[in-house]
Amino acid sequence: MSRLKWLYPGMRVKRWVVVLLLGVFAVATGAVVMLNNPVFSLWERRILAWAGGVSVSPLITGTVLVVLGLAGVTIGMRNLVNSVVEAIRPADVPDLVEHVYKARNLQRGLRIVTIGGGTGLSTMLRGLKEYTSNITAIVTVADDGGSSGRIRDDLGILPPGDVRNTLVALADTEPLMETLFQYRFSWGEGLQGHSFGNLFIAAMTDITGDFEEGIRAFSKVLAVRGKVLPSTLDSVRLGAEYTDGSVVMGESVIPEQGKRIKRVFLDPADAKALPEAIDAIMHADVVILGPGSLYTSIIPNLLIPGFAEAIAQTSALRIYVCNVMTQPGETDGYSACDHVQALLAHLGPPSVLDFVLVNSASVSSAQARRYAKQGAFPVRSDLVAIEKLGIKVHTADVLDQRNLVRHSSARLAQEIIRLAENRDKAWLHGIRAV
């Protein structure tokens, strides 16, 4: 039996089990002596005889045995637990108590669903995972460029790029592992340009025979907090119609046309939503759209039948996180309200959104000049126009300007949690008022 392995040499538990048992025996014996009960008189006389017949009252003898026994139980139990814990504790966890406490609190956190893709979503998730492990990240699978596009064309599987970035963002693992899965080959025929993480997902998909199972396997390797789901398991392509009537197909070429986008669409249009993703939206406490590329990361998910309906019907707090900067070839000249209106054009009436979260901090002049050379500019905050749509606006300094102008993971997550908590307080206040 496997339980007998506890008695094998080298387990470092036998000695403490013996100490624990001796402690229990001493406590029981001390109790017998202290009780001085006729039922235990024979056992009591033997104990006193073993003690040398010293003229000490049974109460004192029993008390000494109980104290010694409790000490033995304490020492045995403590060292037994420590011996087992040291054997199974992860190497990167210096304080197991703090680790367990944090894990338990995260398990009781808000049920948050995020919808999008790209670096904007990954940035936000790095902050949110510090508040809850009940995160479901739903990502687009319409990518057809770079390493993901090559894997999609060569191997016939869904593009893994956005999935990889999201998994790494939610990972609770060593920095070296994150570096490994984000590593991109700069050499090697056939390998150059590929991400190791993309190749790993492709390999796991082939091994398990299913893209979704491949993601689960990847999640276990990285100890992901929460889960990552593709919005669909169907192979879809993203197309765009511009205001001049022209149409292009392919997510990677949409921003390259230099034209104003009228709408985007999926081919095929009847792709099936992943049931688990829809279920997560319906049972969420908070649903977050963005941040990320408006037309190529966020909206493609909403075009899949069932998504817009689920967002409209869920009782969750629904937040759209507006981008900090415009994106060349995609949202040139867009204000915050333009972003919202484009989203609603594909999503439905304004009532499907509860809040729009807009950054209130200013971009430094040096950063603004650098981004202007790339055709990107700060998103203008026309808050009154958004409120006229019947949507509440929440402004906060959520900017991180250390290297790139982007959202701060910690600040953005803090504001989202604050919105959710304020909503809960308002709900409770309403219940009391009734």
Protein backbone atom coordinates (compact mmCIF):
# COMPACT_ATOMS: atom_id res chain seq x y z
CA MET A 1 0.00 0.00 0.00
CA SER A 2 1.20 3.50 -0.81
CA ARG A 3 0.50 4.65 2.78
CA LEU A 4 3.25 2.36 4.04
CA LYS A 5 5.78 4.48 2.15
CA TRP A 6 5.56 6.95 5.05
CA LEU A 7 7.63 4.38 6.98
CA TYR A 8 10.35 4.09 4.33
CA PRO A 9 13.89 5.30 5.21
CA GLY A 10 14.58 8.92 4.32
CA MET A 11 11.00 10.16 4.64
CA ARG A 12 11.93 12.09 7.83
CA VAL A 13 8.52 11.59 9.39
CA LYS A 14 8.85 8.38 11.47
CA ARG A 15 10.73 10.02 14.35
CA TRP A 16 8.11 12.74 14.71
CA VAL A 17 5.26 10.25 14.53
CA VAL A 18 6.87 8.38 17.43
CA VAL A 19 7.26 11.61 19.44
CA LEU A 20 3.63 12.49 18.69
CA LEU A 21 2.38 9.06 19.81
CA LEU A 22 4.47 9.15 22.99
CA GLY A 23 3.05 12.59 23.74
CA VAL A 24 -0.51 11.33 23.32
CA PHE A 25 0.31 8.34 25.55
CA ALA A 26 1.78 10.62 28.24
CA VAL A 27 -1.28 12.88 28.22
CA ALA A 28 -3.62 9.89 28.54
CA THR A 29 -1.53 8.40 31.33
CA GLY A 30 -1.37 11.70 33.21
CA ALA A 31 -5.13 12.01 32.97
CA VAL A 32 -5.52 8.51 34.49
CA VAL A 33 -3.32 9.42 37.42
CA MET A 34 -5.01 12.76 38.01
CA LEU A 35 -8.49 11.23 38.00
CA ASN A 36 -7.50 8.64 40.66
CA ASN A 37 -10.51 6.64 39.54
CA PRO A 38 -11.03 3.05 40.85
CA VAL A 39 -11.62 1.89 37.30
CA PHE A 40 -8.03 2.84 36.46
CA SER A 41 -6.53 1.93 39.86
CA LEU A 42 -4.49 -1.01 38.55
CA TRP A 43 -3.01 1.11 35.76
CA GLU A 44 -2.37 3.94 38.21
CA ARG A 45 -0.48 1.68 40.67
CA ARG A 46 1.71 0.37 37.86
CA ILE A 47 2.58 3.91 36.77
CA LEU A 48 3.46 4.96 40.32
CA ALA A 49 5.48 1.79 40.81
CA TRP A 50 7.33 2.51 37.56
CA ALA A 51 8.01 6.01 38.89
CA GLY A 52 9.85 4.43 41.83
CA GLY A 53 7.16 4.77 44.42
CA VAL A 54 8.01 8.40 45.09
CA SER A 55 5.80 10.01 47.67
CA VAL A 56 4.22 12.54 45.36
CA SER A 57 0.52 13.09 45.10
CA PRO A 58 -1.26 11.61 42.03
CA LEU A 59 -2.36 15.13 41.07
CA ILE A 60 1.22 16.39 40.75
CA THR A 61 2.39 13.23 38.98
CA GLY A 62 -0.52 13.37 36.55
CA THR A 63 0.02 17.07 35.89
CA VAL A 64 3.70 16.50 35.07
CA LEU A 65 2.81 13.67 32.68
CA VAL A 66 0.14 15.78 30.95
CA VAL A 67 2.53 18.73 30.53
CA LEU A 68 5.28 16.47 29.16
CA GLY A 69 2.76 14.79 26.89
CA LEU A 70 1.46 18.08 25.50
CA ALA A 71 5.03 19.17 24.85
CA GLY A 72 5.65 15.92 22.98
CA VAL A 73 2.45 16.32 20.95
CA THR A 74 3.38 19.91 20.06
CA ILE A 75 6.95 19.10 19.07
CA GLY A 76 5.93 15.97 17.14
CA MET A 77 3.07 17.65 15.27
CA ARG A 78 5.06 20.77 14.44
CA ASN A 79 8.07 18.91 13.08
CA LEU A 80 5.90 16.37 11.27
CA VAL A 81 4.05 19.14 9.43
CA ASN A 82 7.28 21.04 8.71
CA SER A 83 8.92 17.91 7.33
CA VAL A 84 6.05 17.29 4.91
CA VAL A 85 5.74 20.97 3.95
CA GLU A 86 9.44 21.35 3.18
CA ALA A 87 9.20 18.38 0.83
CA ILE A 88 6.27 19.70 -1.19
CA ARG A 89 6.66 23.49 -0.95
CA PRO A 90 7.46 25.19 -4.29
CA ALA A 91 11.03 26.43 -4.49
CA ASP A 92 9.95 30.03 -5.22
CA VAL A 93 7.64 30.30 -2.18
CA PRO A 94 9.64 31.49 0.85
CA ASP A 95 6.62 31.93 3.12
CA LEU A 96 4.10 29.10 2.74
CA VAL A 97 1.58 30.61 5.17
CA GLU A 98 1.47 33.87 3.21
CA HIS A 99 1.25 31.91 -0.03
CA VAL A 100 -1.73 29.84 1.17
CA TYR A 101 -3.45 32.89 2.68
CA LYS A 102 -3.12 34.80 -0.59
CA ALA A 103 -4.30 31.84 -2.67
CA ARG A 104 -7.40 31.39 -0.50
CA ASN A 105 -8.28 35.08 -0.71
CA LEU A 106 -7.83 35.10 -4.49
CA GLN A 107 -10.18 32.12 -4.77
CA ARG A 108 -12.87 34.19 -3.04
CA GLY A 109 -12.32 37.16 -5.37
CA LEU A 110 -14.68 38.64 -7.94
CA ARG A 111 -15.59 36.61 -11.01
CA ILE A 112 -14.12 38.75 -13.77
CA VAL A 113 -14.42 38.16 -17.51
CA THR A 114 -12.20 40.10 -19.90
CA ILE A 115 -12.77 40.24 -23.65
CA GLY A 116 -10.13 41.33 -26.13
CA GLY A 117 -6.59 40.45 -27.09
CA GLY A 118 -3.15 41.91 -27.61
CA THR A 119 -0.83 43.68 -25.20
CA GLY A 120 -3.54 45.94 -23.75
CA LEU A 121 -5.45 42.98 -22.36
CA SER A 122 -2.27 41.35 -21.04
CA THR A 123 -1.28 44.55 -19.23
CA MET A 124 -4.63 44.74 -17.44
CA LEU A 125 -4.60 41.07 -16.48
CA ARG A 126 -1.25 41.42 -14.71
CA GLY A 127 -2.95 43.80 -12.30
CA LEU A 128 -6.27 41.98 -11.93
CA LYS A 129 -4.67 38.66 -10.97
CA GLU A 130 -3.47 40.27 -7.73
CA TYR A 131 -7.12 40.67 -6.65
CA THR A 132 -8.74 37.43 -7.81
CA SER A 133 -7.99 34.10 -9.42
CA ASN A 134 -11.56 33.86 -10.76
CA ILE A 135 -10.57 35.41 -14.09
CA THR A 136 -11.74 34.21 -17.48
CA ALA A 137 -9.91 35.88 -20.35
CA ILE A 138 -11.71 35.50 -23.70
CA VAL A 139 -9.41 36.25 -26.62
CA THR A 140 -9.78 36.63 -30.34
CA VAL A 141 -8.51 33.97 -32.75
CA ALA A 142 -8.71 36.07 -35.92
CA ASP A 143 -4.99 36.86 -36.02
CA ASP A 144 -3.29 36.00 -39.31
CA GLY A 145 0.05 37.79 -39.11
CA GLY A 146 3.53 37.02 -37.79
CA SER A 147 4.30 33.73 -36.05
CA SER A 148 0.61 33.08 -35.34
CA GLY A 149 -0.32 33.48 -38.98
CA ARG A 150 2.43 31.16 -40.15
CA ILE A 151 1.39 28.48 -37.65
CA ARG A 152 -2.23 28.92 -38.70
CA ASP A 153 -1.36 28.48 -42.40
CA ASP A 154 1.24 25.72 -42.02
CA LEU A 155 -0.39 23.59 -39.31
CA GLY A 156 -4.06 24.38 -39.75
CA ILE A 157 -4.65 25.30 -36.10
CA LEU A 158 -6.02 28.45 -34.54
CA PRO A 159 -3.53 31.32 -34.14
CA PRO A 160 -1.94 31.03 -30.66
CA GLY A 161 -0.36 34.49 -30.28
CA ASP A 162 -3.01 36.33 -28.25
CA VAL A 163 -3.69 33.19 -26.24
CA ARG A 164 0.02 32.90 -25.38
CA ASN A 165 0.31 36.54 -24.29
CA THR A 166 -2.76 36.22 -22.08
CA LEU A 167 -1.58 32.98 -20.48
CA VAL A 168 1.82 34.47 -19.68
CA ALA A 169 0.14 37.56 -18.18
CA LEU A 170 -1.93 35.37 -15.84
CA ALA A 171 0.95 33.04 -15.00
CA ASP A 172 2.15 32.58 -11.44
CA THR A 173 5.56 31.20 -12.25
CA GLU A 174 9.24 32.01 -12.29
CA PRO A 175 10.46 34.94 -14.47
CA LEU A 176 12.69 32.56 -16.43
CA MET A 177 9.64 30.56 -17.54
CA GLU A 178 7.92 33.72 -18.72
CA THR A 179 11.04 34.74 -20.63
CA LEU A 180 11.20 31.29 -22.21
CA PHE A 181 7.62 31.25 -23.47
CA GLN A 182 7.90 34.82 -24.79
CA TYR A 183 11.23 34.06 -26.50
CA ARG A 184 11.22 34.74 -30.22
CA PHE A 185 13.76 33.02 -32.48
CA SER A 186 15.99 35.42 -34.40
CA TRP A 187 17.81 32.67 -36.24
CA GLY A 188 17.28 29.25 -37.77
CA GLU A 189 15.66 28.31 -41.06
CA GLY A 190 11.95 27.93 -40.49
CA LEU A 191 12.26 29.06 -36.86
CA GLN A 192 13.14 32.71 -37.33
CA GLY A 193 10.32 34.96 -36.15
CA HIS A 194 8.49 32.20 -34.28
CA SER A 195 7.69 32.52 -30.59
CA PHE A 196 8.62 29.52 -28.45
CA GLY A 197 5.28 29.82 -26.68
CA ASN A 198 3.40 29.65 -29.98
CA LEU A 199 5.30 26.51 -30.96
CA PHE A 200 4.61 25.00 -27.55
CA ILE A 201 0.86 25.57 -27.89
CA ALA A 202 0.98 24.11 -31.40
CA ALA A 203 2.80 21.03 -30.07
CA MET A 204 0.31 20.58 -27.20
CA THR A 205 -2.59 20.95 -29.62
CA ASP A 206 -1.15 18.15 -31.73
CA ILE A 207 -0.51 15.96 -28.68
CA THR A 208 -3.95 16.46 -27.14
CA GLY A 209 -5.74 16.63 -30.48
CA ASP A 210 -7.61 19.78 -29.48
CA PHE A 211 -6.71 23.50 -29.31
CA GLU A 212 -8.69 24.04 -26.12
CA GLU A 213 -6.98 21.08 -24.43
CA GLY A 214 -3.63 22.44 -25.58
CA ILE A 215 -4.42 25.72 -23.79
CA ARG A 216 -5.30 23.83 -20.60
CA ALA A 217 -1.99 21.97 -20.75
CA PHE A 218 -0.13 25.26 -21.24
CA SER A 219 -2.02 26.71 -18.26
CA LYS A 220 -0.82 23.91 -15.99
CA VAL A 221 2.80 24.43 -17.02
CA LEU A 222 2.61 28.15 -16.21
CA ALA A 223 0.43 27.80 -13.07
CA VAL A 224 -2.09 30.25 -14.52
CA ARG A 225 -4.44 32.11 -12.18
CA GLY A 226 -7.82 31.80 -13.87
CA LYS A 227 -8.35 30.49 -17.37
CA VAL A 228 -7.98 31.59 -20.96
CA LEU A 229 -10.58 30.74 -23.59
CA PRO A 230 -10.71 31.33 -27.33
CA SER A 231 -13.93 33.08 -28.33
CA THR A 232 -14.53 30.33 -30.90
CA LEU A 233 -12.90 27.11 -32.03
CA ASP A 234 -13.86 27.79 -35.64
CA SER A 235 -11.27 29.10 -38.07
CA VAL A 236 -12.35 32.67 -38.81
CA ARG A 237 -10.93 35.50 -40.87
CA LEU A 238 -11.47 39.16 -40.11
CA GLY A 239 -12.48 41.56 -42.83
CA ALA A 240 -13.01 45.33 -42.92
CA GLU A 241 -15.18 47.67 -44.95
CA TYR A 242 -13.95 51.24 -45.21
CA THR A 243 -15.96 54.43 -45.58
CA ASP A 244 -15.02 54.59 -49.27
CA GLY A 245 -16.70 51.22 -49.85
CA SER A 246 -13.54 49.18 -50.30
CA VAL A 247 -13.13 45.84 -48.50
CA VAL A 248 -10.05 43.88 -47.37
CA MET A 249 -9.66 40.49 -45.72
CA GLY A 250 -7.08 39.65 -43.09
CA GLU A 251 -6.54 41.06 -39.61
CA SER A 252 -2.90 41.93 -40.28
CA VAL A 253 -3.61 44.05 -43.37
CA ILE A 254 -6.58 46.03 -42.04
CA PRO A 255 -4.48 48.80 -40.41
CA GLU A 256 -2.20 49.04 -43.45
CA GLN A 257 -4.79 50.58 -45.78
CA GLY A 258 -4.68 54.05 -44.24
CA LYS A 259 -8.46 54.45 -44.56
CA ARG A 260 -11.24 55.10 -42.05
CA ILE A 261 -12.95 51.87 -41.06
CA LYS A 262 -16.73 51.70 -41.38
CA ARG A 263 -17.16 48.21 -39.95
CA VAL A 264 -15.42 44.88 -39.51
CA PHE A 265 -16.88 41.42 -40.07
CA LEU A 266 -16.02 37.74 -39.75
CA ASP A 267 -15.87 35.05 -42.39
CA PRO A 268 -17.72 32.82 -41.77
CA ALA A 269 -20.28 35.02 -40.05
CA ASP A 270 -21.94 32.08 -38.28
CA ALA A 271 -18.91 30.93 -36.27
CA LYS A 272 -19.98 29.17 -33.11
CA ALA A 273 -19.19 30.78 -29.77
CA LEU A 274 -17.39 28.64 -27.22
CA PRO A 275 -20.17 27.65 -24.77
CA GLU A 276 -17.83 27.96 -21.79
CA ALA A 277 -17.10 31.56 -22.76
CA ILE A 278 -20.79 32.49 -22.94
CA ASP A 279 -21.42 30.77 -19.61
CA ALA A 280 -18.58 32.72 -18.00
CA ILE A 281 -20.12 36.02 -19.16
CA MET A 282 -23.54 35.10 -17.83
CA HIS A 283 -22.17 34.20 -14.37
CA ALA A 284 -19.62 37.01 -14.04
CA ASP A 285 -19.53 39.81 -11.49
CA VAL A 286 -17.64 42.08 -13.88
CA VAL A 287 -17.26 41.97 -17.68
CA ILE A 288 -14.49 44.12 -19.17
CA LEU A 289 -14.06 45.05 -22.81
CA GLY A 290 -10.57 46.20 -23.71
CA PRO A 291 -8.13 47.78 -23.56
CA GLY A 292 -6.62 46.83 -26.89
CA SER A 293 -6.92 47.31 -30.63
CA LEU A 294 -10.55 48.32 -31.12
CA TYR A 295 -11.27 46.78 -34.50
CA THR A 296 -8.81 43.87 -34.53
CA SER A 297 -8.74 42.65 -30.90
CA ILE A 298 -11.96 43.61 -29.12
CA ILE A 299 -14.73 43.80 -31.72
CA PRO A 300 -13.90 40.45 -33.48
CA ASN A 301 -15.05 38.63 -30.33
CA LEU A 302 -18.34 40.53 -30.29
CA LEU A 303 -19.12 39.55 -33.89
CA ILE A 304 -19.49 35.90 -32.95
CA PRO A 305 -23.21 35.08 -32.51
CA GLY A 306 -24.14 34.90 -28.85
CA PHE A 307 -21.55 37.26 -27.43
CA ALA A 308 -23.44 40.53 -27.78
CA GLU A 309 -26.61 38.87 -26.47
CA ALA A 310 -24.77 37.46 -23.44
CA ILE A 311 -23.25 40.85 -22.60
CA ALA A 312 -26.68 42.48 -22.88
CA GLN A 313 -28.31 39.88 -20.62
CA THR A 314 -25.68 39.36 -17.93
CA SER A 315 -26.18 40.96 -14.51
CA ALA A 316 -22.45 41.72 -14.32
CA LEU A 317 -21.00 45.23 -14.19
CA ARG A 318 -19.99 45.96 -17.81
CA ILE A 319 -16.98 48.21 -18.33
CA TYR A 320 -15.24 49.40 -21.46
CA VAL A 321 -11.62 50.47 -20.89
CA CYS A 322 -10.80 53.10 -23.50
CA ASN A 323 -7.35 53.15 -25.07
CA VAL A 324 -4.85 55.84 -24.08
CA MET A 325 -3.47 56.41 -27.59
CA THR A 326 -4.98 56.20 -31.06
CA GLN A 327 -3.77 53.36 -33.27
CA PRO A 328 -2.39 54.22 -36.73
CA GLY A 329 -4.54 52.86 -39.54
CA GLU A 330 -7.26 51.79 -37.15
CA THR A 331 -8.48 54.63 -34.91
CA ASP A 332 -6.78 57.70 -36.40
CA GLY A 333 -8.29 60.86 -34.94
CA TYR A 334 -10.69 58.94 -32.67
CA SER A 335 -11.89 60.51 -29.46
CA ALA A 336 -13.04 58.44 -26.48
CA CYS A 337 -16.64 58.79 -27.67
CA ASP A 338 -15.65 57.65 -31.17
CA HIS A 339 -14.24 54.48 -29.63
CA VAL A 340 -17.47 53.91 -27.71
CA GLN A 341 -19.69 54.53 -30.75
CA ALA A 342 -17.65 52.13 -32.89
CA LEU A 343 -17.99 49.51 -30.17
CA LEU A 344 -21.73 50.03 -29.87
CA ALA A 345 -22.16 49.83 -33.65
CA HIS A 346 -21.03 46.21 -33.44
CA LEU A 347 -22.32 45.44 -29.95
CA GLY A 348 -25.78 46.95 -29.64
CA PRO A 349 -27.56 49.79 -27.81
CA PRO A 350 -25.75 51.92 -25.17
CA SER A 351 -27.56 50.04 -22.42
CA VAL A 352 -25.14 47.13 -22.83
CA LEU A 353 -22.41 49.22 -21.15
CA ASP A 354 -22.48 50.51 -17.58
CA PHE A 355 -19.19 52.41 -17.47
CA VAL A 356 -16.47 53.71 -19.75
CA LEU A 357 -13.15 54.01 -17.95
CA VAL A 358 -11.07 56.87 -19.37
CA ASN A 359 -7.53 57.87 -18.42
CA SER A 360 -7.32 61.36 -16.93
CA ALA A 361 -3.52 61.79 -16.88
CA SER A 362 -1.66 63.73 -19.57
CA VAL A 363 1.01 62.21 -21.75
CA SER A 364 4.40 63.91 -21.41
CA SER A 365 5.42 66.20 -24.27
CA ALA A 366 8.47 64.04 -25.01
CA GLN A 367 6.37 60.90 -25.28
CA ALA A 368 3.74 62.69 -27.34
CA ARG A 369 6.37 63.80 -29.87
CA ARG A 370 7.82 60.29 -30.10
CA TYR A 371 4.42 58.71 -30.67
CA ALA A 372 3.40 61.41 -33.16
CA LYS A 373 6.24 60.27 -35.42
CA GLN A 374 4.49 56.88 -35.52
CA GLY A 375 1.09 58.43 -36.21
CA ALA A 376 -0.32 57.82 -32.72
CA PHE A 377 -1.84 60.57 -30.57
CA PRO A 378 -3.48 60.77 -27.12
CA VAL A 379 -7.19 59.89 -27.22
CA ARG A 380 -9.26 63.03 -26.65
CA SER A 381 -11.54 62.70 -23.63
CA ASP A 382 -14.91 64.04 -24.78
CA LEU A 383 -16.67 62.80 -21.67
CA VAL A 384 -19.88 64.81 -22.06
CA ALA A 385 -20.53 63.18 -25.45
CA ILE A 386 -20.25 59.71 -23.85
CA GLU A 387 -22.61 60.65 -21.03
CA LYS A 388 -25.16 61.87 -23.58
CA LEU A 389 -25.26 58.27 -24.80
CA GLY A 390 -26.54 57.28 -21.37
CA ILE A 391 -23.27 55.66 -20.25
CA LYS A 392 -21.47 56.62 -17.05
CA VAL A 393 -17.87 57.75 -17.32
CA HIS A 394 -15.20 56.99 -14.74
CA THR A 395 -11.96 58.95 -15.05
CA ALA A 396 -8.72 58.17 -13.23
CA ASP A 397 -4.98 58.42 -13.62
CA VAL A 398 -4.21 54.94 -14.93
CA LEU A 399 -1.23 55.88 -17.06
CA ASP A 400 2.19 54.23 -17.06
CA GLN A 401 4.78 56.33 -18.91
CA ARG A 402 7.97 54.62 -17.78
CA ASN A 403 8.78 53.20 -21.22
CA LEU A 404 5.72 53.05 -23.43
CA VAL A 405 2.57 55.11 -23.05
CA ARG A 406 0.13 52.51 -21.84
CA HIS A 407 -2.12 51.62 -18.94
CA SER A 408 -0.59 50.91 -15.55
CA SER A 409 -1.45 47.34 -14.57
CA ALA A 410 -1.79 48.14 -10.87
CA ARG A 411 -3.71 51.42 -11.23
CA LEU A 412 -6.12 50.10 -13.84
CA ALA A 413 -6.92 47.00 -11.79
CA GLN A 414 -7.42 49.13 -8.68
CA GLU A 415 -9.97 51.35 -10.45
CA ILE A 416 -11.87 48.37 -11.85
CA ILE A 417 -12.08 46.75 -8.41
CA ARG A 418 -13.20 50.10 -6.95
CA LEU A 419 -16.02 50.37 -9.49
CA ALA A 420 -17.16 46.84 -8.68
CA GLU A 421 -17.05 47.45 -4.92
CA ASN A 422 -18.95 50.74 -5.23
CA ARG A 423 -21.61 48.97 -7.24
CA ASP A 424 -21.95 46.32 -4.52
CA LYS A 425 -22.26 49.03 -1.85
CA ALA A 426 -24.95 50.81 -3.85
CA TRP A 427 -26.83 47.52 -4.30
CA LEU A 428 -26.69 46.78 -0.57
CA HIS A 429 -27.83 50.32 0.22
CA GLY A 430 -30.80 49.83 -2.09
CA ILE A 431 -31.74 46.58 -0.32
CA ARG A 432 -31.66 48.30 3.07
CA ALA A 433 -33.77 51.18 1.78
CA VAL A 434 -36.51 48.73 0.85
